[in-house]
């Protein structure tokens, strides 16, 4: 999934080799870990996706509400992402992943404009 790379960058992963876009480097307490992009499971594993939700919420002004039929991300009392009624999803992880990707794109756009 192409948006896994976007999420990995948001989570602080970097490319180990500028000529090789197939792997990224994740810093861990044990040292750097090489992670092939194809092996990333943000789109299918809560173990991968929930740390991203927690990262978003660690920025004090954002709150992620995972509901049965959609995910809402609120910032400073304003809904930034609301896909509850807009899209039909089969699983919570699908709409949560979609909301996270939308949030990161908005977050990156805002931060790029402020630089």
PDB file of N, CA and C in Angstrom:
ATOM      1  N   UNK A   1       0.854  -1.169   0.000  1.00  0.00           N
ATOM      2  CA  UNK A   1       0.000   0.000   0.000  1.00  0.00           C
ATOM      3  C   UNK A   1       0.906   1.240   0.000  1.00  0.00           C
ATOM      4  N   UNK A   2       0.634   2.123  -0.932  1.00  0.00           N
ATOM      5  CA  UNK A   2       1.496   3.294  -1.090  1.00  0.00           C
ATOM      6  C   UNK A   2       1.444   4.232   0.109  1.00  0.00           C
ATOM      7  N   UNK A   3       0.326   4.251   0.829  1.00  0.00           N
ATOM      8  CA  UNK A   3       0.226   5.161   1.964  1.00  0.00           C
ATOM      9  C   UNK A   3       0.965   4.651   3.193  1.00  0.00           C
ATOM     10  N   UNK A   4       1.387   3.377   3.200  1.00  0.00           N
ATOM     11  CA  UNK A   4       2.210   2.892   4.303  1.00  0.00           C
ATOM     12  C   UNK A   4       3.519   3.672   4.385  1.00  0.00           C
ATOM     13  N   UNK A   5       4.060   4.031   3.235  1.00  0.00           N
ATOM     14  CA  UNK A   5       5.295   4.815   3.197  1.00  0.00           C
ATOM     15  C   UNK A   5       5.060   6.199   3.817  1.00  0.00           C
ATOM     16  N   UNK A   6       3.919   6.811   3.522  1.00  0.00           N
ATOM     17  CA  UNK A   6       3.559   8.105   4.098  1.00  0.00           C
ATOM     18  C   UNK A   6       3.488   8.009   5.624  1.00  0.00           C
ATOM     19  N   UNK A   7       2.852   6.952   6.112  1.00  0.00           N
ATOM     20  CA  UNK A   7       2.741   6.760   7.557  1.00  0.00           C
ATOM     21  C   UNK A   7       4.115   6.524   8.168  1.00  0.00           C
ATOM     22  N   UNK A   8       4.935   5.714   7.521  1.00  0.00           N
ATOM     23  CA  UNK A   8       6.282   5.433   8.034  1.00  0.00           C
ATOM     24  C   UNK A   8       7.097   6.722   8.169  1.00  0.00           C
ATOM     25  N   UNK A   9       7.000   7.598   7.187  1.00  0.00           N
ATOM     26  CA  UNK A   9       7.703   8.881   7.256  1.00  0.00           C
ATOM     27  C   UNK A   9       7.180   9.716   8.424  1.00  0.00           C
ATOM     28  N   UNK A  10       5.853   9.730   8.619  1.00  0.00           N
ATOM     29  CA  UNK A  10       5.250  10.450   9.739  1.00  0.00           C
ATOM     30  C   UNK A  10       5.764   9.905  11.071  1.00  0.00           C
ATOM     31  N   UNK A  11       6.007   8.597  11.123  1.00  0.00           N
ATOM     32  CA  UNK A  11       6.484   7.957  12.342  1.00  0.00           C
ATOM     33  C   UNK A  11       7.997   8.071  12.511  1.00  0.00           C
ATOM     34  N   UNK A  12       8.638   8.804  11.622  1.00  0.00           N
ATOM     35  CA  UNK A  12      10.060   9.088  11.789  1.00  0.00           C
ATOM     36  C   UNK A  12      11.009   8.162  11.059  1.00  0.00           C
ATOM     37  N   UNK A  13      10.479   7.254  10.271  1.00  0.00           N
ATOM     38  CA  UNK A  13      11.365   6.388   9.486  1.00  0.00           C
ATOM     39  C   UNK A  13      11.980   7.187   8.350  1.00  0.00           C
ATOM     40  N   UNK A  14      13.180   6.803   7.975  1.00  0.00           N
ATOM     41  CA  UNK A  14      13.889   7.467   6.889  1.00  0.00           C
ATOM     42  C   UNK A  14      14.379   6.418   5.898  1.00  0.00           C
ATOM     43  N   UNK A  15      14.769   6.888   4.725  1.00  0.00           N
ATOM     44  CA  UNK A  15      15.355   5.997   3.726  1.00  0.00           C
ATOM     45  C   UNK A  15      16.817   5.805   4.065  1.00  0.00           C
ATOM     46  N   UNK A  16      17.244   4.544   4.099  1.00  0.00           N
ATOM     47  CA  UNK A  16      18.636   4.252   4.412  1.00  0.00           C
ATOM     48  C   UNK A  16      19.557   4.543   3.246  1.00  0.00           C
ATOM     49  N   UNK A  17      19.041   4.429   2.054  1.00  0.00           N
ATOM     50  CA  UNK A  17      19.834   4.619   0.849  1.00  0.00           C
ATOM     51  C   UNK A  17      18.996   5.450  -0.117  1.00  0.00           C
ATOM     52  N   UNK A  18      19.465   6.653  -0.493  1.00  0.00           N
ATOM     53  CA  UNK A  18      18.672   7.500  -1.386  1.00  0.00           C
ATOM     54  C   UNK A  18      18.371   6.857  -2.736  1.00  0.00           C
ATOM     55  N   UNK A  19      19.132   5.832  -3.104  1.00  0.00           N
ATOM     56  CA  UNK A  19      18.915   5.150  -4.377  1.00  0.00           C
ATOM     57  C   UNK A  19      18.011   3.930  -4.245  1.00  0.00           C
ATOM     58  N   UNK A  20      17.586   3.617  -3.014  1.00  0.00           N
ATOM     59  CA  UNK A  20      16.755   2.432  -2.787  1.00  0.00           C
ATOM     60  C   UNK A  20      15.506   2.835  -2.012  1.00  0.00           C
ATOM     61  N   UNK A  21      14.389   2.973  -2.716  1.00  0.00           N
ATOM     62  CA  UNK A  21      13.128   3.360  -2.087  1.00  0.00           C
ATOM     63  C   UNK A  21      12.315   2.159  -1.617  1.00  0.00           C
ATOM     64  N   UNK A  22      12.919   0.977  -1.558  1.00  0.00           N
ATOM     65  CA  UNK A  22      12.167  -0.204  -1.162  1.00  0.00           C
ATOM     66  C   UNK A  22      12.283  -0.516   0.322  1.00  0.00           C
ATOM     67  N   UNK A  23      13.212   0.147   1.018  1.00  0.00           N
ATOM     68  CA  UNK A  23      13.379  -0.076   2.452  1.00  0.00           C
ATOM     69  C   UNK A  23      13.494   1.255   3.176  1.00  0.00           C
ATOM     70  N   UNK A  24      13.108   1.221   4.453  1.00  0.00           N
ATOM     71  CA  UNK A  24      13.244   2.396   5.301  1.00  0.00           C
ATOM     72  C   UNK A  24      13.949   1.966   6.583  1.00  0.00           C
ATOM     73  N   UNK A  25      14.474   2.936   7.309  1.00  0.00           N
ATOM     74  CA  UNK A  25      15.196   2.677   8.548  1.00  0.00           C
ATOM     75  C   UNK A  25      14.345   3.155   9.717  1.00  0.00           C
ATOM     76  N   UNK A  26      14.153   2.273  10.694  1.00  0.00           N
ATOM     77  CA  UNK A  26      13.434   2.624  11.910  1.00  0.00           C
ATOM     78  C   UNK A  26      14.427   2.591  13.062  1.00  0.00           C
ATOM     79  N   UNK A  27      14.514   3.692  13.794  1.00  0.00           N
ATOM     80  CA  UNK A  27      15.399   3.727  14.950  1.00  0.00           C
ATOM     81  C   UNK A  27      14.687   3.085  16.136  1.00  0.00           C
ATOM     82  N   UNK A  28      15.366   2.148  16.774  1.00  0.00           N
ATOM     83  CA  UNK A  28      14.839   1.474  17.956  1.00  0.00           C
ATOM     84  C   UNK A  28      15.874   1.584  19.074  1.00  0.00           C
ATOM     85  N   UNK A  29      15.489   1.301  20.301  1.00  0.00           N
ATOM     86  CA  UNK A  29      16.480   1.333  21.388  1.00  0.00           C
ATOM     87  C   UNK A  29      17.635   0.356  21.170  1.00  0.00           C
ATOM     88  N   UNK A  30      17.381  -0.708  20.412  1.00  0.00           N
ATOM     89  CA  UNK A  30      18.421  -1.696  20.129  1.00  0.00           C
ATOM     90  C   UNK A  30      19.305  -1.295  18.953  1.00  0.00           C
ATOM     91  N   UNK A  31      18.958  -0.238  18.249  1.00  0.00           N
ATOM     92  CA  UNK A  31      19.709   0.201  17.079  1.00  0.00           C
ATOM     93  C   UNK A  31      18.782   0.378  15.889  1.00  0.00           C
ATOM     94  N   UNK A  32      19.364   0.663  14.749  1.00  0.00           N
ATOM     95  CA  UNK A  32      18.560   0.867  13.541  1.00  0.00           C
ATOM     96  C   UNK A  32      18.085  -0.466  12.973  1.00  0.00           C
ATOM     97  N   UNK A  33      16.837  -0.473  12.544  1.00  0.00           N
ATOM     98  CA  UNK A  33      16.236  -1.667  11.952  1.00  0.00           C
ATOM     99  C   UNK A  33      15.826  -1.347  10.524  1.00  0.00           C
ATOM    100  N   UNK A  34      16.211  -2.195   9.584  1.00  0.00           N
ATOM    101  CA  UNK A  34      15.817  -2.035   8.191  1.00  0.00           C
ATOM    102  C   UNK A  34      14.438  -2.673   8.013  1.00  0.00           C
ATOM    103  N   UNK A  35      13.509  -1.887   7.462  1.00  0.00           N
ATOM    104  CA  UNK A  35      12.136  -2.366   7.280  1.00  0.00           C
ATOM    105  C   UNK A  35      11.776  -2.262   5.794  1.00  0.00           C
ATOM    106  N   UNK A  36      11.594  -3.381   5.116  1.00  0.00           N
ATOM    107  CA  UNK A  36      11.135  -3.320   3.722  1.00  0.00           C
ATOM    108  C   UNK A  36       9.731  -2.715   3.662  1.00  0.00           C
ATOM    109  N   UNK A  37       9.508  -1.804   2.748  1.00  0.00           N
ATOM    110  CA  UNK A  37       8.208  -1.143   2.635  1.00  0.00           C
ATOM    111  C   UNK A  37       7.111  -2.168   2.371  1.00  0.00           C
ATOM    112  N   UNK A  38       7.408  -3.179   1.590  1.00  0.00           N
ATOM    113  CA  UNK A  38       6.411  -4.211   1.280  1.00  0.00           C
ATOM    114  C   UNK A  38       5.964  -4.985   2.521  1.00  0.00           C
ATOM    115  N   UNK A  39       6.770  -4.976   3.579  1.00  0.00           N
ATOM    116  CA  UNK A  39       6.406  -5.730   4.783  1.00  0.00           C
ATOM    117  C   UNK A  39       5.611  -4.897   5.791  1.00  0.00           C
ATOM    118  N   UNK A  40       5.433  -3.601   5.521  1.00  0.00           N
ATOM    119  CA  UNK A  40       4.707  -2.730   6.447  1.00  0.00           C
ATOM    120  C   UNK A  40       3.228  -3.106   6.461  1.00  0.00           C
ATOM    121  N   UNK A  41       2.661  -3.122   7.662  1.00  0.00           N
ATOM    122  CA  UNK A  41       1.282  -3.600   7.819  1.00  0.00           C
ATOM    123  C   UNK A  41       0.375  -2.569   8.487  1.00  0.00           C
ATOM    124  N   UNK A  42       0.635  -1.289   8.267  1.00  0.00           N
ATOM    125  CA  UNK A  42      -0.225  -0.262   8.860  1.00  0.00           C
ATOM    126  C   UNK A  42      -1.680  -0.450   8.445  1.00  0.00           C
ATOM    127  N   UNK A  43      -1.902  -0.932   7.238  1.00  0.00           N
ATOM    128  CA  UNK A  43      -3.245  -1.088   6.686  1.00  0.00           C
ATOM    129  C   UNK A  43      -3.974  -2.336   7.169  1.00  0.00           C
ATOM    130  N   UNK A  44      -3.258  -3.258   7.828  1.00  0.00           N
ATOM    131  CA  UNK A  44      -3.890  -4.528   8.174  1.00  0.00           C
ATOM    132  C   UNK A  44      -3.640  -5.010   9.597  1.00  0.00           C
ATOM    133  N   UNK A  45      -2.827  -4.297  10.366  1.00  0.00           N
ATOM    134  CA  UNK A  45      -2.488  -4.757  11.710  1.00  0.00           C
ATOM    135  C   UNK A  45      -2.650  -3.634  12.733  1.00  0.00           C
ATOM    136  N   UNK A  46      -3.449  -3.911  13.766  1.00  0.00           N
ATOM    137  CA  UNK A  46      -3.584  -2.925  14.844  1.00  0.00           C
ATOM    138  C   UNK A  46      -2.247  -2.709  15.548  1.00  0.00           C
ATOM    139  N   UNK A  47      -1.392  -3.733  15.594  1.00  0.00           N
ATOM    140  CA  UNK A  47      -0.081  -3.588  16.219  1.00  0.00           C
ATOM    141  C   UNK A  47       0.764  -2.526  15.515  1.00  0.00           C
ATOM    142  N   UNK A  48       0.552  -2.357  14.227  1.00  0.00           N
ATOM    143  CA  UNK A  48       1.252  -1.327  13.464  1.00  0.00           C
ATOM    144  C   UNK A  48       0.519   0.011  13.520  1.00  0.00           C
ATOM    145  N   UNK A  49      -0.815  -0.023  13.441  1.00  0.00           N
ATOM    146  CA  UNK A  49      -1.588   1.212  13.300  1.00  0.00           C
ATOM    147  C   UNK A  49      -1.789   1.965  14.616  1.00  0.00           C
ATOM    148  N   UNK A  50      -1.980   1.252  15.718  1.00  0.00           N
ATOM    149  CA  UNK A  50      -2.262   1.948  16.979  1.00  0.00           C
ATOM    150  C   UNK A  50      -1.124   2.857  17.446  1.00  0.00           C
ATOM    151  N   UNK A  51       0.148   2.508  17.252  1.00  0.00           N
ATOM    152  CA  UNK A  51       1.190   3.478  17.600  1.00  0.00           C
ATOM    153  C   UNK A  51       1.082   4.785  16.802  1.00  0.00           C
ATOM    154  N   UNK A  52       0.538   4.717  15.591  1.00  0.00           N
ATOM    155  CA  UNK A  52       0.333   5.921  14.785  1.00  0.00           C
ATOM    156  C   UNK A  52      -0.788   6.763  15.404  1.00  0.00           C
ATOM    157  N   UNK A  53      -1.885   6.098  15.803  1.00  0.00           N
ATOM    158  CA  UNK A  53      -2.980   6.794  16.473  1.00  0.00           C
ATOM    159  C   UNK A  53      -2.457   7.452  17.755  1.00  0.00           C
ATOM    160  N   UNK A  54      -1.650   6.722  18.506  1.00  0.00           N
ATOM    161  CA  UNK A  54      -1.081   7.263  19.745  1.00  0.00           C
ATOM    162  C   UNK A  54      -0.146   8.439  19.463  1.00  0.00           C
ATOM    163  N   UNK A  55       0.601   8.364  18.369  1.00  0.00           N
ATOM    164  CA  UNK A  55       1.481   9.478  17.983  1.00  0.00           C
ATOM    165  C   UNK A  55       0.659  10.723  17.668  1.00  0.00           C
ATOM    166  N   UNK A  56      -0.428  10.554  16.928  1.00  0.00           N
ATOM    167  CA  UNK A  56      -1.302  11.689  16.608  1.00  0.00           C
ATOM    168  C   UNK A  56      -1.841  12.284  17.898  1.00  0.00           C
ATOM    169  N   UNK A  57      -2.310  11.438  18.798  1.00  0.00           N
ATOM    170  CA  UNK A  57      -2.877  11.928  20.053  1.00  0.00           C
ATOM    171  C   UNK A  57      -1.820  12.507  20.990  1.00  0.00           C
ATOM    172  N   UNK A  58      -0.560  12.164  20.772  1.00  0.00           N
ATOM    173  CA  UNK A  58       0.495  12.714  21.633  1.00  0.00           C
ATOM    174  C   UNK A  58       0.700  14.208  21.375  1.00  0.00           C
ATOM    175  N   UNK A  59       0.279  14.671  20.200  1.00  0.00           N
ATOM    176  CA  UNK A  59       0.255  16.106  19.947  1.00  0.00           C
ATOM    177  C   UNK A  59      -0.999  16.596  20.651  1.00  0.00           C
ATOM    178  N   UNK A  60      -0.876  17.290  21.722  1.00  0.00           N
ATOM    179  CA  UNK A  60      -1.949  17.544  22.686  1.00  0.00           C
ATOM    180  C   UNK A  60      -3.256  18.046  22.098  1.00  0.00           C
ATOM    181  N   UNK A  61      -3.224  18.640  20.957  1.00  0.00           N
ATOM    182  CA  UNK A  61      -4.467  19.224  20.453  1.00  0.00           C
ATOM    183  C   UNK A  61      -5.285  18.288  19.566  1.00  0.00           C
ATOM    184  N   UNK A  62      -4.846  17.039  19.371  1.00  0.00           N
ATOM    185  CA  UNK A  62      -5.558  16.107  18.502  1.00  0.00           C
ATOM    186  C   UNK A  62      -6.142  14.945  19.297  1.00  0.00           C
ATOM    187  N   UNK A  63      -7.336  14.526  18.893  1.00  0.00           N
ATOM    188  CA  UNK A  63      -8.009  13.396  19.510  1.00  0.00           C
ATOM    189  C   UNK A  63      -8.552  12.511  18.396  1.00  0.00           C
ATOM    190  N   UNK A  64      -8.306  11.216  18.486  1.00  0.00           N
ATOM    191  CA  UNK A  64      -8.775  10.259  17.490  1.00  0.00           C
ATOM    192  C   UNK A  64      -9.892   9.436  18.109  1.00  0.00           C
ATOM    193  N   UNK A  65     -11.063   9.487  17.511  1.00  0.00           N
ATOM    194  CA  UNK A  65     -12.219   8.725  17.983  1.00  0.00           C
ATOM    195  C   UNK A  65     -12.522   7.623  16.980  1.00  0.00           C
ATOM    196  N   UNK A  66     -12.254   6.379  17.386  1.00  0.00           N
ATOM    197  CA  UNK A  66     -12.517   5.224  16.531  1.00  0.00           C
ATOM    198  C   UNK A  66     -13.892   4.688  16.906  1.00  0.00           C
ATOM    199  N   UNK A  67     -14.816   4.807  15.982  1.00  0.00           N
ATOM    200  CA  UNK A  67     -16.192   4.382  16.202  1.00  0.00           C
ATOM    201  C   UNK A  67     -16.469   3.105  15.410  1.00  0.00           C
ATOM    202  N   UNK A  68     -17.643   2.557  15.564  1.00  0.00           N
ATOM    203  CA  UNK A  68     -17.972   1.323  14.853  1.00  0.00           C
ATOM    204  C   UNK A  68     -17.979   1.525  13.343  1.00  0.00           C
ATOM    205  N   UNK A  69     -18.504   2.667  12.867  1.00  0.00           N
ATOM    206  CA  UNK A  69     -18.671   2.871  11.426  1.00  0.00           C
ATOM    207  C   UNK A  69     -17.849   4.023  10.882  1.00  0.00           C
ATOM    208  N   UNK A  70     -16.811   4.425  11.566  1.00  0.00           N
ATOM    209  CA  UNK A  70     -15.977   5.494  11.061  1.00  0.00           C
ATOM    210  C   UNK A  70     -15.023   6.001  12.113  1.00  0.00           C
ATOM    211  N   UNK A  71     -14.107   6.835  11.697  1.00  0.00           N
ATOM    212  CA  UNK A  71     -13.118   7.421  12.599  1.00  0.00           C
ATOM    213  C   UNK A  71     -13.142   8.923  12.425  1.00  0.00           C
ATOM    214  N   UNK A  72     -13.123   9.627  13.543  1.00  0.00           N
ATOM    215  CA  UNK A  72     -13.122  11.085  13.537  1.00  0.00           C
ATOM    216  C   UNK A  72     -11.842  11.550  14.206  1.00  0.00           C
ATOM    217  N   UNK A  73     -11.149  12.499  13.589  1.00  0.00           N
ATOM    218  CA  UNK A  73      -9.972  13.112  14.204  1.00  0.00           C
ATOM    219  C   UNK A  73     -10.285  14.579  14.424  1.00  0.00           C
ATOM    220  N   UNK A  74     -10.175  14.992  15.682  1.00  0.00           N
ATOM    221  CA  UNK A  74     -10.531  16.346  16.096  1.00  0.00           C
ATOM    222  C   UNK A  74      -9.269  17.070  16.533  1.00  0.00           C
ATOM    223  N   UNK A  75      -9.161  18.331  16.119  1.00  0.00           N
ATOM    224  CA  UNK A  75      -8.053  19.170  16.548  1.00  0.00           C
ATOM    225  C   UNK A  75      -8.566  20.527  16.955  1.00  0.00           C
ATOM    226  N   UNK A  76      -8.263  20.958  18.155  1.00  0.00           N
ATOM    227  CA  UNK A  76      -8.708  22.259  18.667  1.00  0.00           C
ATOM    228  C   UNK A  76     -10.211  22.442  18.498  1.00  0.00           C
ATOM    229  N   UNK A  77     -10.963  21.403  18.884  1.00  0.00           N
ATOM    230  CA  UNK A  77     -12.425  21.406  18.851  1.00  0.00           C
ATOM    231  C   UNK A  77     -13.009  21.453  17.434  1.00  0.00           C
ATOM    232  N   UNK A  78     -12.192  21.237  16.413  1.00  0.00           N
ATOM    233  CA  UNK A  78     -12.652  21.257  15.023  1.00  0.00           C
ATOM    234  C   UNK A  78     -12.386  19.883  14.411  1.00  0.00           C
ATOM    235  N   UNK A  79     -13.399  19.330  13.741  1.00  0.00           N
ATOM    236  CA  UNK A  79     -13.194  18.057  13.064  1.00  0.00           C
ATOM    237  C   UNK A  79     -12.267  18.251  11.877  1.00  0.00           C
ATOM    238  N   UNK A  80     -11.155  17.541  11.898  1.00  0.00           N
ATOM    239  CA  UNK A  80     -10.213  17.594  10.780  1.00  0.00           C
ATOM    240  C   UNK A  80     -10.516  16.483   9.778  1.00  0.00           C
ATOM    241  N   UNK A  81     -10.851  15.313  10.288  1.00  0.00           N
ATOM    242  CA  UNK A  81     -11.183  14.177   9.444  1.00  0.00           C
ATOM    243  C   UNK A  81     -12.445  13.541  10.019  1.00  0.00           C
ATOM    244  N   UNK A  82     -13.442  13.366   9.187  1.00  0.00           N
ATOM    245  CA  UNK A  82     -14.669  12.689   9.588  1.00  0.00           C
ATOM    246  C   UNK A  82     -15.105  11.816   8.424  1.00  0.00           C
ATOM    247  N   UNK A  83     -14.883  10.529   8.547  1.00  0.00           N
ATOM    248  CA  UNK A  83     -15.292   9.632   7.468  1.00  0.00           C
ATOM    249  C   UNK A  83     -16.377   8.670   7.929  1.00  0.00           C
ATOM    250  N   UNK A  84     -17.157   9.074   8.942  1.00  0.00           N
ATOM    251  CA  UNK A  84     -18.205   8.203   9.462  1.00  0.00           C
ATOM    252  C   UNK A  84     -19.280   7.942   8.418  1.00  0.00           C
ATOM    253  N   UNK A  85     -19.797   8.971   7.808  1.00  0.00           N
ATOM    254  CA  UNK A  85     -20.906   8.806   6.873  1.00  0.00           C
ATOM    255  C   UNK A  85     -20.456   8.798   5.417  1.00  0.00           C
ATOM    256  N   UNK A  86     -19.211   9.160   5.175  1.00  0.00           N
ATOM    257  CA  UNK A  86     -18.764   9.352   3.797  1.00  0.00           C
ATOM    258  C   UNK A  86     -18.416   8.059   3.069  1.00  0.00           C
ATOM    259  N   UNK A  87     -17.905   7.079   3.784  1.00  0.00           N
ATOM    260  CA  UNK A  87     -17.369   5.893   3.129  1.00  0.00           C
ATOM    261  C   UNK A  87     -17.885   4.651   3.852  1.00  0.00           C
ATOM    262  N   UNK A  88     -18.177   3.621   3.102  1.00  0.00           N
ATOM    263  CA  UNK A  88     -18.604   2.363   3.699  1.00  0.00           C
ATOM    264  C   UNK A  88     -17.395   1.451   3.869  1.00  0.00           C
ATOM    265  N   UNK A  89     -17.147   1.033   5.092  1.00  0.00           N
ATOM    266  CA  UNK A  89     -16.014   0.163   5.387  1.00  0.00           C
ATOM    267  C   UNK A  89     -16.502  -1.127   6.019  1.00  0.00           C
ATOM    268  N   UNK A  90     -15.776  -2.209   5.790  1.00  0.00           N
ATOM    269  CA  UNK A  90     -16.130  -3.485   6.396  1.00  0.00           C
ATOM    270  C   UNK A  90     -15.532  -3.638   7.789  1.00  0.00           C
ATOM    271  N   UNK A  91     -14.366  -3.040   8.021  1.00  0.00           N
ATOM    272  CA  UNK A  91     -13.660  -3.233   9.277  1.00  0.00           C
ATOM    273  C   UNK A  91     -13.244  -1.892   9.867  1.00  0.00           C
ATOM    274  N   UNK A  92     -13.141  -1.851  11.198  1.00  0.00           N
ATOM    275  CA  UNK A  92     -12.690  -0.642  11.883  1.00  0.00           C
ATOM    276  C   UNK A  92     -11.284  -0.252  11.430  1.00  0.00           C
ATOM    277  N   UNK A  93     -10.433  -1.243  11.215  1.00  0.00           N
ATOM    278  CA  UNK A  93      -9.060  -0.916  10.831  1.00  0.00           C
ATOM    279  C   UNK A  93      -9.026  -0.194   9.486  1.00  0.00           C
ATOM    280  N   UNK A  94      -9.967  -0.527   8.584  1.00  0.00           N
ATOM    281  CA  UNK A  94      -9.995   0.123   7.273  1.00  0.00           C
ATOM    282  C   UNK A  94     -10.301   1.610   7.404  1.00  0.00           C
ATOM    283  N   UNK A  95     -11.341   1.959   8.178  1.00  0.00           N
ATOM    284  CA  UNK A  95     -11.673   3.383   8.278  1.00  0.00           C
ATOM    285  C   UNK A  95     -10.692   4.129   9.168  1.00  0.00           C
ATOM    286  N   UNK A  96     -10.075   3.438  10.109  1.00  0.00           N
ATOM    287  CA  UNK A  96      -9.059   4.097  10.934  1.00  0.00           C
ATOM    288  C   UNK A  96      -7.824   4.400  10.096  1.00  0.00           C
ATOM    289  N   UNK A  97      -7.393   3.436   9.290  1.00  0.00           N
ATOM    290  CA  UNK A  97      -6.255   3.639   8.388  1.00  0.00           C
ATOM    291  C   UNK A  97      -6.536   4.805   7.441  1.00  0.00           C
ATOM    292  N   UNK A  98      -7.718   4.823   6.855  1.00  0.00           N
ATOM    293  CA  UNK A  98      -8.092   5.897   5.935  1.00  0.00           C
ATOM    294  C   UNK A  98      -8.057   7.259   6.634  1.00  0.00           C
ATOM    295  N   UNK A  99      -8.582   7.333   7.849  1.00  0.00           N
ATOM    296  CA  UNK A  99      -8.586   8.597   8.594  1.00  0.00           C
ATOM    297  C   UNK A  99      -7.175   9.042   8.935  1.00  0.00           C
ATOM    298  N   UNK A 100      -6.322   8.105   9.322  1.00  0.00           N
ATOM    299  CA  UNK A 100      -4.923   8.427   9.647  1.00  0.00           C
ATOM    300  C   UNK A 100      -4.209   8.986   8.419  1.00  0.00           C
ATOM    301  N   UNK A 101      -4.407   8.358   7.278  1.00  0.00           N
ATOM    302  CA  UNK A 101      -3.777   8.828   6.033  1.00  0.00           C
ATOM    303  C   UNK A 101      -4.268  10.233   5.693  1.00  0.00           C
ATOM    304  N   UNK A 102      -5.579  10.464   5.790  1.00  0.00           N
ATOM    305  CA  UNK A 102      -6.118  11.807   5.520  1.00  0.00           C
ATOM    306  C   UNK A 102      -5.535  12.832   6.478  1.00  0.00           C
ATOM    307  N   UNK A 103      -5.435  12.464   7.759  1.00  0.00           N
ATOM    308  CA  UNK A 103      -4.871  13.385   8.746  1.00  0.00           C
ATOM    309  C   UNK A 103      -3.428  13.729   8.406  1.00  0.00           C
ATOM    310  N   UNK A 104      -2.617  12.722   8.120  1.00  0.00           N
ATOM    311  CA  UNK A 104      -1.197  12.962   7.836  1.00  0.00           C
ATOM    312  C   UNK A 104      -1.032  13.857   6.610  1.00  0.00           C
ATOM    313  N   UNK A 105      -1.836  13.649   5.588  1.00  0.00           N
ATOM    314  CA  UNK A 105      -1.757  14.505   4.397  1.00  0.00           C
ATOM    315  C   UNK A 105      -2.090  15.951   4.751  1.00  0.00           C
ATOM    316  N   UNK A 106      -3.143  16.161   5.559  1.00  0.00           N
ATOM    317  CA  UNK A 106      -3.489  17.521   5.996  1.00  0.00           C
ATOM    318  C   UNK A 106      -2.393  18.110   6.878  1.00  0.00           C
ATOM    319  N   UNK A 107      -1.889  17.309   7.796  1.00  0.00           N
ATOM    320  CA  UNK A 107      -0.833  17.746   8.717  1.00  0.00           C
ATOM    321  C   UNK A 107       0.414  18.159   7.943  1.00  0.00           C
ATOM    322  N   UNK A 108       0.819  17.343   6.989  1.00  0.00           N
ATOM    323  CA  UNK A 108       2.000  17.661   6.178  1.00  0.00           C
ATOM    324  C   UNK A 108       1.774  18.927   5.344  1.00  0.00           C
ATOM    325  N   UNK A 109       0.573  19.072   4.786  1.00  0.00           N
ATOM    326  CA  UNK A 109       0.265  20.254   3.981  1.00  0.00           C
ATOM    327  C   UNK A 109       0.369  21.513   4.835  1.00  0.00           C
ATOM    328  N   UNK A 110      -0.224  21.490   6.021  1.00  0.00           N
ATOM    329  CA  UNK A 110      -0.182  22.651   6.910  1.00  0.00           C
ATOM    330  C   UNK A 110       1.246  22.963   7.324  1.00  0.00           C
ATOM    331  N   UNK A 111       2.007  21.937   7.693  1.00  0.00           N
ATOM    332  CA  UNK A 111       3.382  22.162   8.131  1.00  0.00           C
ATOM    333  C   UNK A 111       4.270  22.667   6.999  1.00  0.00           C
ATOM    334  N   UNK A 112       4.039  22.199   5.775  1.00  0.00           N
ATOM    335  CA  UNK A 112       4.826  22.670   4.636  1.00  0.00           C
ATOM    336  C   UNK A 112       4.512  24.128   4.319  1.00  0.00           C
ATOM    337  N   UNK A 113       3.273  24.563   4.538  1.00  0.00           N
ATOM    338  CA  UNK A 113       2.917  25.956   4.292  1.00  0.00           C
ATOM    339  C   UNK A 113       3.501  26.896   5.345  1.00  0.00           C
ATOM    340  N   UNK A 114       3.712  26.366   6.559  1.00  0.00           N
ATOM    341  CA  UNK A 114       4.231  27.190   7.648  1.00  0.00           C
ATOM    342  C   UNK A 114       5.749  27.291   7.633  1.00  0.00           C
ATOM    343  N   UNK A 115       6.401  26.603   6.725  1.00  0.00           N
ATOM    344  CA  UNK A 115       7.871  26.658   6.672  1.00  0.00           C
ATOM    345  C   UNK A 115       8.345  27.722   5.725  1.00  0.00           C
TER     346      UNK A 115
END
